[in-house]
PDB file of N, CA and C in Angstrom:
ATOM      1  N   MET A   1     187.756 -32.103  76.132  1.00  0.00           N
ATOM      2  CA  MET A   1     188.640 -31.242  75.386  1.00  0.00           C
ATOM      3  C   MET A   1     189.786 -30.806  76.316  1.00  0.00           C
ATOM      4  N   PRO A   2     191.012 -31.027  75.935  1.00  0.00           N
ATOM      5  CA  PRO A   2     192.142 -30.636  76.775  1.00  0.00           C
ATOM      6  C   PRO A   2     192.225 -29.115  76.921  1.00  0.00           C
ATOM      7  N   SER A   3     192.641 -28.714  78.112  1.00  0.00           N
ATOM      8  CA  SER A   3     192.795 -27.291  78.396  1.00  0.00           C
ATOM      9  C   SER A   3     194.138 -26.806  77.870  1.00  0.00           C
ATOM     10  N   THR A   4     194.176 -25.567  77.400  1.00  0.00           N
ATOM     11  CA  THR A   4     195.437 -25.035  76.863  1.00  0.00           C
ATOM     12  C   THR A   4     196.315 -24.409  77.934  1.00  0.00           C
ATOM     13  N   ASP A   5     195.755 -24.152  79.136  1.00  0.00           N
ATOM     14  CA  ASP A   5     196.555 -23.491  80.169  1.00  0.00           C
ATOM     15  C   ASP A   5     196.796 -24.375  81.401  1.00  0.00           C
ATOM     16  N   THR A   6     196.481 -25.675  81.289  1.00  0.00           N
ATOM     17  CA  THR A   6     196.655 -26.598  82.404  1.00  0.00           C
ATOM     18  C   THR A   6     197.445 -27.806  81.922  1.00  0.00           C
ATOM     19  N   SER A   7     198.411 -28.221  82.741  1.00  0.00           N
ATOM     20  CA  SER A   7     199.216 -29.371  82.343  1.00  0.00           C
ATOM     21  C   SER A   7     198.360 -30.635  82.329  1.00  0.00           C
ATOM     22  N   PHE A   8     198.777 -31.587  81.520  1.00  0.00           N
ATOM     23  CA  PHE A   8     198.052 -32.843  81.406  1.00  0.00           C
ATOM     24  C   PHE A   8     197.969 -33.544  82.761  1.00  0.00           C
ATOM     25  N   ARG A   9     199.050 -33.507  83.524  1.00  0.00           N
ATOM     26  CA  ARG A   9     199.091 -34.167  84.842  1.00  0.00           C
ATOM     27  C   ARG A   9     198.056 -33.566  85.792  1.00  0.00           C
ATOM     28  N   VAL A  10     197.973 -32.247  85.823  1.00  0.00           N
ATOM     29  CA  VAL A  10     197.007 -31.579  86.694  1.00  0.00           C
ATOM     30  C   VAL A  10     195.586 -31.855  86.216  1.00  0.00           C
ATOM     31  N   GLU A  11     195.377 -31.791  84.915  1.00  0.00           N
ATOM     32  CA  GLU A  11     194.050 -32.048  84.363  1.00  0.00           C
ATOM     33  C   GLU A  11     193.604 -33.480  84.660  1.00  0.00           C
ATOM     34  N   LYS A  12     194.515 -34.430  84.541  1.00  0.00           N
ATOM     35  CA  LYS A  12     194.204 -35.829  84.832  1.00  0.00           C
ATOM     36  C   LYS A  12     193.826 -35.981  86.310  1.00  0.00           C
ATOM     37  N   ALA A  13     194.546 -35.327  87.194  1.00  0.00           N
ATOM     38  CA  ALA A  13     194.243 -35.393  88.633  1.00  0.00           C
ATOM     39  C   ALA A  13     192.868 -34.776  88.921  1.00  0.00           C
ATOM     40  N   LEU A  14     192.568 -33.677  88.264  1.00  0.00           N
ATOM     41  CA  LEU A  14     191.274 -33.018  88.451  1.00  0.00           C
ATOM     42  C   LEU A  14     190.131 -33.927  87.998  1.00  0.00           C
ATOM     43  N   PHE A  15     190.273 -34.543  86.847  1.00  0.00           N
ATOM     44  CA  PHE A  15     189.234 -35.450  86.370  1.00  0.00           C
ATOM     45  C   PHE A  15     189.070 -36.656  87.298  1.00  0.00           C
ATOM     46  N   GLU A  16     190.147 -37.109  87.903  1.00  0.00           N
ATOM     47  CA  GLU A  16     190.056 -38.211  88.860  1.00  0.00           C
ATOM     48  C   GLU A  16     189.265 -37.772  90.087  1.00  0.00           C
ATOM     49  N   ILE A  17     189.491 -36.556  90.544  1.00  0.00           N
ATOM     50  CA  ILE A  17     188.719 -36.024  91.674  1.00  0.00           C
ATOM     51  C   ILE A  17     187.244 -35.940  91.296  1.00  0.00           C
ATOM     52  N   TYR A  18     186.961 -35.405  90.116  1.00  0.00           N
ATOM     53  CA  TYR A  18     185.572 -35.310  89.664  1.00  0.00           C
ATOM     54  C   TYR A  18     184.922 -36.691  89.572  1.00  0.00           C
ATOM     55  N   ARG A  19     185.668 -37.673  89.112  1.00  0.00           N
ATOM     56  CA  ARG A  19     185.133 -39.028  89.013  1.00  0.00           C
ATOM     57  C   ARG A  19     184.797 -39.559  90.402  1.00  0.00           C
ATOM     58  N   LYS A  20     185.669 -39.309  91.381  1.00  0.00           N
ATOM     59  CA  LYS A  20     185.470 -39.827  92.737  1.00  0.00           C
ATOM     60  C   LYS A  20     184.285 -39.166  93.440  1.00  0.00           C
ATOM     61  N   ILE A  21     184.052 -37.890  93.192  1.00  0.00           N
ATOM     62  CA  ILE A  21     182.952 -37.225  93.903  1.00  0.00           C
ATOM     63  C   ILE A  21     181.593 -37.519  93.273  1.00  0.00           C
ATOM     64  N   GLY A  22     181.595 -38.020  92.064  1.00  0.00           N
ATOM     65  CA  GLY A  22     180.357 -38.450  91.423  1.00  0.00           C
ATOM     66  C   GLY A  22     179.484 -37.308  90.930  1.00  0.00           C
ATOM     67  N   PRO A  23     178.363 -37.676  90.312  1.00  0.00           N
ATOM     68  CA  PRO A  23     177.473 -36.672  89.726  1.00  0.00           C
ATOM     69  C   PRO A  23     176.927 -35.677  90.748  1.00  0.00           C
ATOM     70  N   GLN A  24     176.564 -36.154  91.931  1.00  0.00           N
ATOM     71  CA  GLN A  24     176.008 -35.253  92.933  1.00  0.00           C
ATOM     72  C   GLN A  24     177.059 -34.238  93.394  1.00  0.00           C
ATOM     73  N   GLY A  25     178.272 -34.678  93.589  1.00  0.00           N
ATOM     74  CA  GLY A  25     179.348 -33.777  93.988  1.00  0.00           C
ATOM     75  C   GLY A  25     179.658 -32.753  92.903  1.00  0.00           C
ATOM     76  N   ARG A  26     179.645 -33.194  91.654  1.00  0.00           N
ATOM     77  CA  ARG A  26     179.884 -32.262  90.544  1.00  0.00           C
ATOM     78  C   ARG A  26     178.752 -31.255  90.425  1.00  0.00           C
ATOM     79  N   CYS A  27     177.536 -31.714  90.656  1.00  0.00           N
ATOM     80  CA  CYS A  27     176.390 -30.806  90.624  1.00  0.00           C
ATOM     81  C   CYS A  27     176.515 -29.768  91.751  1.00  0.00           C
ATOM     82  N   THR A  28     176.917 -30.198  92.921  1.00  0.00           N
ATOM     83  CA  THR A  28     177.102 -29.282  94.053  1.00  0.00           C
ATOM     84  C   THR A  28     178.145 -28.226  93.718  1.00  0.00           C
ATOM     85  N   ILE A  29     179.245 -28.635  93.102  1.00  0.00           N
ATOM     86  CA  ILE A  29     180.278 -27.684  92.690  1.00  0.00           C
ATOM     87  C   ILE A  29     179.703 -26.678  91.692  1.00  0.00           C
ATOM     88  N   GLY A  30     178.941 -27.164  90.735  1.00  0.00           N
ATOM     89  CA  GLY A  30     178.337 -26.272  89.743  1.00  0.00           C
ATOM     90  C   GLY A  30     177.393 -25.264  90.373  1.00  0.00           C
ATOM     91  N   ILE A  31     176.582 -25.716  91.320  1.00  0.00           N
ATOM     92  CA  ILE A  31     175.659 -24.813  92.004  1.00  0.00           C
ATOM     93  C   ILE A  31     176.428 -23.770  92.803  1.00  0.00           C
ATOM     94  N   GLU A  32     177.479 -24.190  93.498  1.00  0.00           N
ATOM     95  CA  GLU A  32     178.287 -23.250  94.272  1.00  0.00           C
ATOM     96  C   GLU A  32     178.951 -22.211  93.366  1.00  0.00           C
ATOM     97  N   LEU A  33     179.455 -22.643  92.216  1.00  0.00           N
ATOM     98  CA  LEU A  33     180.057 -21.700  91.273  1.00  0.00           C
ATOM     99  C   LEU A  33     179.021 -20.700  90.765  1.00  0.00           C
ATOM    100  N   SER A  34     177.831 -21.191  90.474  1.00  0.00           N
ATOM    101  CA  SER A  34     176.764 -20.311  90.015  1.00  0.00           C
ATOM    102  C   SER A  34     176.389 -19.298  91.100  1.00  0.00           C
ATOM    103  N   ASP A  35     176.250 -19.771  92.326  1.00  0.00           N
ATOM    104  CA  ASP A  35     175.937 -18.876  93.444  1.00  0.00           C
ATOM    105  C   ASP A  35     177.026 -17.818  93.622  1.00  0.00           C
ATOM    106  N   ASN A  36     178.269 -18.233  93.520  1.00  0.00           N
ATOM    107  CA  ASN A  36     179.385 -17.290  93.673  1.00  0.00           C
ATOM    108  C   ASN A  36     179.365 -16.217  92.585  1.00  0.00           C
ATOM    109  N   MET A  37     179.111 -16.625  91.357  1.00  0.00           N
ATOM    110  CA  MET A  37     179.069 -15.655  90.253  1.00  0.00           C
ATOM    111  C   MET A  37     177.898 -14.679  90.419  1.00  0.00           C
ATOM    112  N   ARG A  38     176.757 -15.185  90.877  1.00  0.00           N
ATOM    113  CA  ARG A  38     175.612 -14.308  91.131  1.00  0.00           C
ATOM    114  C   ARG A  38     175.953 -13.294  92.222  1.00  0.00           C
ATOM    115  N   ASP A  39     176.615 -13.747  93.294  1.00  0.00           N
ATOM    116  CA  ASP A  39     176.996 -12.844  94.380  1.00  0.00           C
ATOM    117  C   ASP A  39     177.984 -11.780  93.905  1.00  0.00           C
ATOM    118  N   ILE A  40     178.922 -12.168  93.057  1.00  0.00           N
ATOM    119  CA  ILE A  40     179.888 -11.212  92.509  1.00  0.00           C
ATOM    120  C   ILE A  40     179.165 -10.183  91.645  1.00  0.00           C
ATOM    121  N   ALA A  41     178.262 -10.647  90.784  1.00  0.00           N
ATOM    122  CA  ALA A  41     177.511  -9.729  89.923  1.00  0.00           C
ATOM    123  C   ALA A  41     176.652  -8.792  90.760  1.00  0.00           C
ATOM    124  N   TYR A  42     176.021  -9.304  91.808  1.00  0.00           N
ATOM    125  CA  TYR A  42     175.176  -8.469  92.675  1.00  0.00           C
ATOM    126  C   TYR A  42     176.019  -7.405  93.383  1.00  0.00           C
ATOM    127  N   SER A  43     177.176  -7.799  93.886  1.00  0.00           N
ATOM    128  CA  SER A  43     178.061  -6.840  94.553  1.00  0.00           C
ATOM    129  C   SER A  43     178.505  -5.732  93.603  1.00  0.00           C
ATOM    130  N   ALA A  44     178.816  -6.099  92.379  1.00  0.00           N
ATOM    131  CA  ALA A  44     179.211  -5.101  91.384  1.00  0.00           C
ATOM    132  C   ALA A  44     178.045  -4.163  91.082  1.00  0.00           C
ATOM    133  N   TYR A  45     176.853  -4.724  90.919  1.00  0.00           N
ATOM    134  CA  TYR A  45     175.666  -3.903  90.627  1.00  0.00           C
ATOM    135  C   TYR A  45     175.378  -2.975  91.804  1.00  0.00           C
ATOM    136  N   GLN A  46     175.556  -3.477  93.013  1.00  0.00           N
ATOM    137  CA  GLN A  46     175.346  -2.677  94.213  1.00  0.00           C
ATOM    138  C   GLN A  46     176.350  -1.526  94.280  1.00  0.00           C
ATOM    139  N   SER A  47     177.588  -1.782  93.900  1.00  0.00           N
ATOM    140  CA  SER A  47     178.613  -0.743  93.982  1.00  0.00           C
ATOM    141  C   SER A  47     178.381   0.380  92.972  1.00  0.00           C
ATOM    142  N   ILE A  48     177.712   0.097  91.859  1.00  0.00           N
ATOM    143  CA  ILE A  48     177.450   1.168  90.891  1.00  0.00           C
ATOM    144  C   ILE A  48     176.079   1.810  91.110  1.00  0.00           C
ATOM    145  N   ASN A  49     175.322   1.298  92.080  1.00  0.00           N
ATOM    146  CA  ASN A  49     174.014   1.866  92.431  1.00  0.00           C
ATOM    147  C   ASN A  49     173.915   2.026  93.950  1.00  0.00           C
ATOM    148  N   PRO A  50     174.823   2.785  94.567  1.00  0.00           N
ATOM    149  CA  PRO A  50     174.893   2.835  96.034  1.00  0.00           C
ATOM    150  C   PRO A  50     173.711   3.528  96.711  1.00  0.00           C
ATOM    151  N   THR A  51     172.931   4.290  95.978  1.00  0.00           N
ATOM    152  CA  THR A  51     171.838   5.030  96.612  1.00  0.00           C
ATOM    153  C   THR A  51     170.515   4.268  96.637  1.00  0.00           C
ATOM    154  N   LEU A  52     170.444   3.138  95.966  1.00  0.00           N
ATOM    155  CA  LEU A  52     169.192   2.377  95.931  1.00  0.00           C
ATOM    156  C   LEU A  52     168.954   1.642  97.248  1.00  0.00           C
ATOM    157  N   SER A  53     167.692   1.548  97.634  1.00  0.00           N
ATOM    158  CA  SER A  53     167.347   0.738  98.805  1.00  0.00           C
ATOM    159  C   SER A  53     167.632  -0.722  98.472  1.00  0.00           C
ATOM    160  N   ARG A  54     167.707  -1.545  99.492  1.00  0.00           N
ATOM    161  CA  ARG A  54     167.976  -2.974  99.284  1.00  0.00           C
ATOM    162  C   ARG A  54     166.900  -3.599  98.392  1.00  0.00           C
ATOM    163  N   GLU A  55     165.637  -3.270  98.674  1.00  0.00           N
ATOM    164  CA  GLU A  55     164.540  -3.846  97.889  1.00  0.00           C
ATOM    165  C   GLU A  55     164.592  -3.400  96.428  1.00  0.00           C
ATOM    166  N   GLU A  56     164.843  -2.104  96.201  1.00  0.00           N
ATOM    167  CA  GLU A  56     164.897  -1.604  94.825  1.00  0.00           C
ATOM    168  C   GLU A  56     166.106  -2.174  94.095  1.00  0.00           C
ATOM    169  N   LEU A  57     167.225  -2.289  94.805  1.00  0.00           N
ATOM    170  CA  LEU A  57     168.428  -2.871  94.205  1.00  0.00           C
ATOM    171  C   LEU A  57     168.159  -4.308  93.765  1.00  0.00           C
ATOM    172  N   GLN A  58     167.539  -5.092  94.633  1.00  0.00           N
ATOM    173  CA  GLN A  58     167.227  -6.481  94.290  1.00  0.00           C
ATOM    174  C   GLN A  58     166.266  -6.547  93.109  1.00  0.00           C
ATOM    175  N   ARG A  59     165.242  -5.707  93.124  1.00  0.00           N
ATOM    176  CA  ARG A  59     164.263  -5.713  92.036  1.00  0.00           C
ATOM    177  C   ARG A  59     164.947  -5.423  90.711  1.00  0.00           C
ATOM    178  N   ARG A  60     165.763  -4.373  90.683  1.00  0.00           N
ATOM    179  CA  ARG A  60     166.443  -4.001  89.429  1.00  0.00           C
ATOM    180  C   ARG A  60     167.468  -5.038  89.016  1.00  0.00           C
ATOM    181  N   PHE A  61     168.182  -5.608  89.987  1.00  0.00           N
ATOM    182  CA  PHE A  61     169.186  -6.632  89.680  1.00  0.00           C
ATOM    183  C   PHE A  61     168.532  -7.839  89.016  1.00  0.00           C
ATOM    184  N   PHE A  62     167.476  -8.355  89.633  1.00  0.00           N
ATOM    185  CA  PHE A  62     166.804  -9.521  89.067  1.00  0.00           C
ATOM    186  C   PHE A  62     166.263  -9.227  87.677  1.00  0.00           C
ATOM    187  N   GLU A  63     165.731  -8.027  87.506  1.00  0.00           N
ATOM    188  CA  GLU A  63     165.168  -7.683  86.202  1.00  0.00           C
ATOM    189  C   GLU A  63     166.258  -7.536  85.143  1.00  0.00           C
ATOM    190  N   LYS A  64     167.329  -6.827  85.477  1.00  0.00           N
ATOM    191  CA  LYS A  64     168.378  -6.538  84.495  1.00  0.00           C
ATOM    192  C   LYS A  64     169.294  -7.731  84.235  1.00  0.00           C
ATOM    193  N   VAL A  65     169.809  -8.310  85.298  1.00  0.00           N
ATOM    194  CA  VAL A  65     170.826  -9.353  85.149  1.00  0.00           C
ATOM    195  C   VAL A  65     170.212 -10.726  84.876  1.00  0.00           C
ATOM    196  N   LEU A  66     169.146 -11.050  85.564  1.00  0.00           N
ATOM    197  CA  LEU A  66     168.570 -12.381  85.424  1.00  0.00           C
ATOM    198  C   LEU A  66     167.382 -12.422  84.464  1.00  0.00           C
ATOM    199  N   GLY A  67     166.871 -11.238  84.110  1.00  0.00           N
ATOM    200  CA  GLY A  67     165.742 -11.188  83.195  1.00  0.00           C
ATOM    201  C   GLY A  67     164.421 -11.522  83.859  1.00  0.00           C
ATOM    202  N   TRP A  68     164.371 -11.470  85.192  1.00  0.00           N
ATOM    203  CA  TRP A  68     163.142 -11.794  85.914  1.00  0.00           C
ATOM    204  C   TRP A  68     162.367 -10.527  86.213  1.00  0.00           C
ATOM    205  N   LYS A  69     161.092 -10.569  86.008  1.00  0.00           N
ATOM    206  CA  LYS A  69     160.200  -9.496  86.430  1.00  0.00           C
ATOM    207  C   LYS A  69     159.568  -9.950  87.741  1.00  0.00           C
ATOM    208  N   LEU A  70     159.889  -9.257  88.813  1.00  0.00           N
ATOM    209  CA  LEU A  70     159.310  -9.620  90.098  1.00  0.00           C
ATOM    210  C   LEU A  70     157.900  -9.063  90.203  1.00  0.00           C
ATOM    211  N   PRO A  71     156.986  -9.832  90.800  1.00  0.00           N
ATOM    212  CA  PRO A  71     155.635  -9.319  90.977  1.00  0.00           C
ATOM    213  C   PRO A  71     155.646  -8.167  91.976  1.00  0.00           C
ATOM    214  N   LEU A  72     154.708  -7.278  91.830  1.00  0.00           N
ATOM    215  CA  LEU A  72     154.596  -6.181  92.775  1.00  0.00           C
ATOM    216  C   LEU A  72     154.257  -6.723  94.156  1.00  0.00           C
ATOM    217  N   GLN A  73     154.813  -6.080  95.151  1.00  0.00           N
ATOM    218  CA  GLN A  73     154.487  -6.427  96.519  1.00  0.00           C
ATOM    219  C   GLN A  73     153.187  -5.725  96.895  1.00  0.00           C
ATOM    220  N   PRO A  74     152.439  -6.240  97.863  1.00  0.00           N
ATOM    221  CA  PRO A  74     151.174  -5.608  98.235  1.00  0.00           C
ATOM    222  C   PRO A  74     151.319  -4.118  98.559  1.00  0.00           C
ATOM    223  N   ARG A  75     152.425  -3.714  99.154  1.00  0.00           N
ATOM    224  CA  ARG A  75     152.617  -2.302  99.502  1.00  0.00           C
ATOM    225  C   ARG A  75     152.831  -1.435  98.266  1.00  0.00           C
ATOM    226  N   ASP A  76     153.150  -2.051  97.110  1.00  0.00           N
ATOM    227  CA  ASP A  76     153.366  -1.313  95.862  1.00  0.00           C
ATOM    228  C   ASP A  76     152.068  -1.070  95.103  1.00  0.00           C
ATOM    229  N   ILE A  77     151.006  -1.707  95.529  1.00  0.00           N
ATOM    230  CA  ILE A  77     149.747  -1.631  94.818  1.00  0.00           C
ATOM    231  C   ILE A  77     148.833  -0.620  95.496  1.00  0.00           C
ATOM    232  N   ASN A  78     148.345   0.324  94.746  1.00  0.00           N
ATOM    233  CA  ASN A  78     147.427   1.324  95.281  1.00  0.00           C
ATOM    234  C   ASN A  78     146.037   0.722  95.264  1.00  0.00           C
ATOM    235  N   THR A  79     145.491   0.466  96.465  1.00  0.00           N
ATOM    236  CA  THR A  79     144.169  -0.147  96.564  1.00  0.00           C
ATOM    237  C   THR A  79     143.084   0.917  96.717  1.00  0.00           C
ATOM    238  N   ASP A  80     143.462   2.187  96.765  1.00  0.00           N
ATOM    239  CA  ASP A  80     142.490   3.266  96.876  1.00  0.00           C
ATOM    240  C   ASP A  80     141.948   3.559  95.480  1.00  0.00           C
ATOM    241  N   HIS A  81     140.719   3.153  95.231  1.00  0.00           N
ATOM    242  CA  HIS A  81     140.118   3.320  93.918  1.00  0.00           C
ATOM    243  C   HIS A  81     139.248   4.572  93.848  1.00  0.00           C
ATOM    244  N   GLY A  82     139.581   5.551  94.695  1.00  0.00           N
ATOM    245  CA  GLY A  82     138.845   6.804  94.674  1.00  0.00           C
ATOM    246  C   GLY A  82     137.554   6.733  95.453  1.00  0.00           C
ATOM    247  N   SER A  83     137.367   5.718  96.281  1.00  0.00           N
ATOM    248  CA  SER A  83     136.125   5.634  97.040  1.00  0.00           C
ATOM    249  C   SER A  83     136.228   6.299  98.384  1.00  0.00           C
TER     250      SER A  83
END
């Protein structure tokens, strides 16, 4: 699908670059873009939650933004069963 904000000449050159780097190169670009967006989102989340510890910030970020529930760490589990 042609882009509405990029000239045909530039778009053609970009597709030629993508063709030359092949599927693995395109996959690498996609992974890097994904990593960059995650880092930007994490930085934004960190800036609006400046008082959270690093561990709590990561736990909440993964849960809220990525939808992941992280398992409890051993230090989070109370092993004292009243004995």
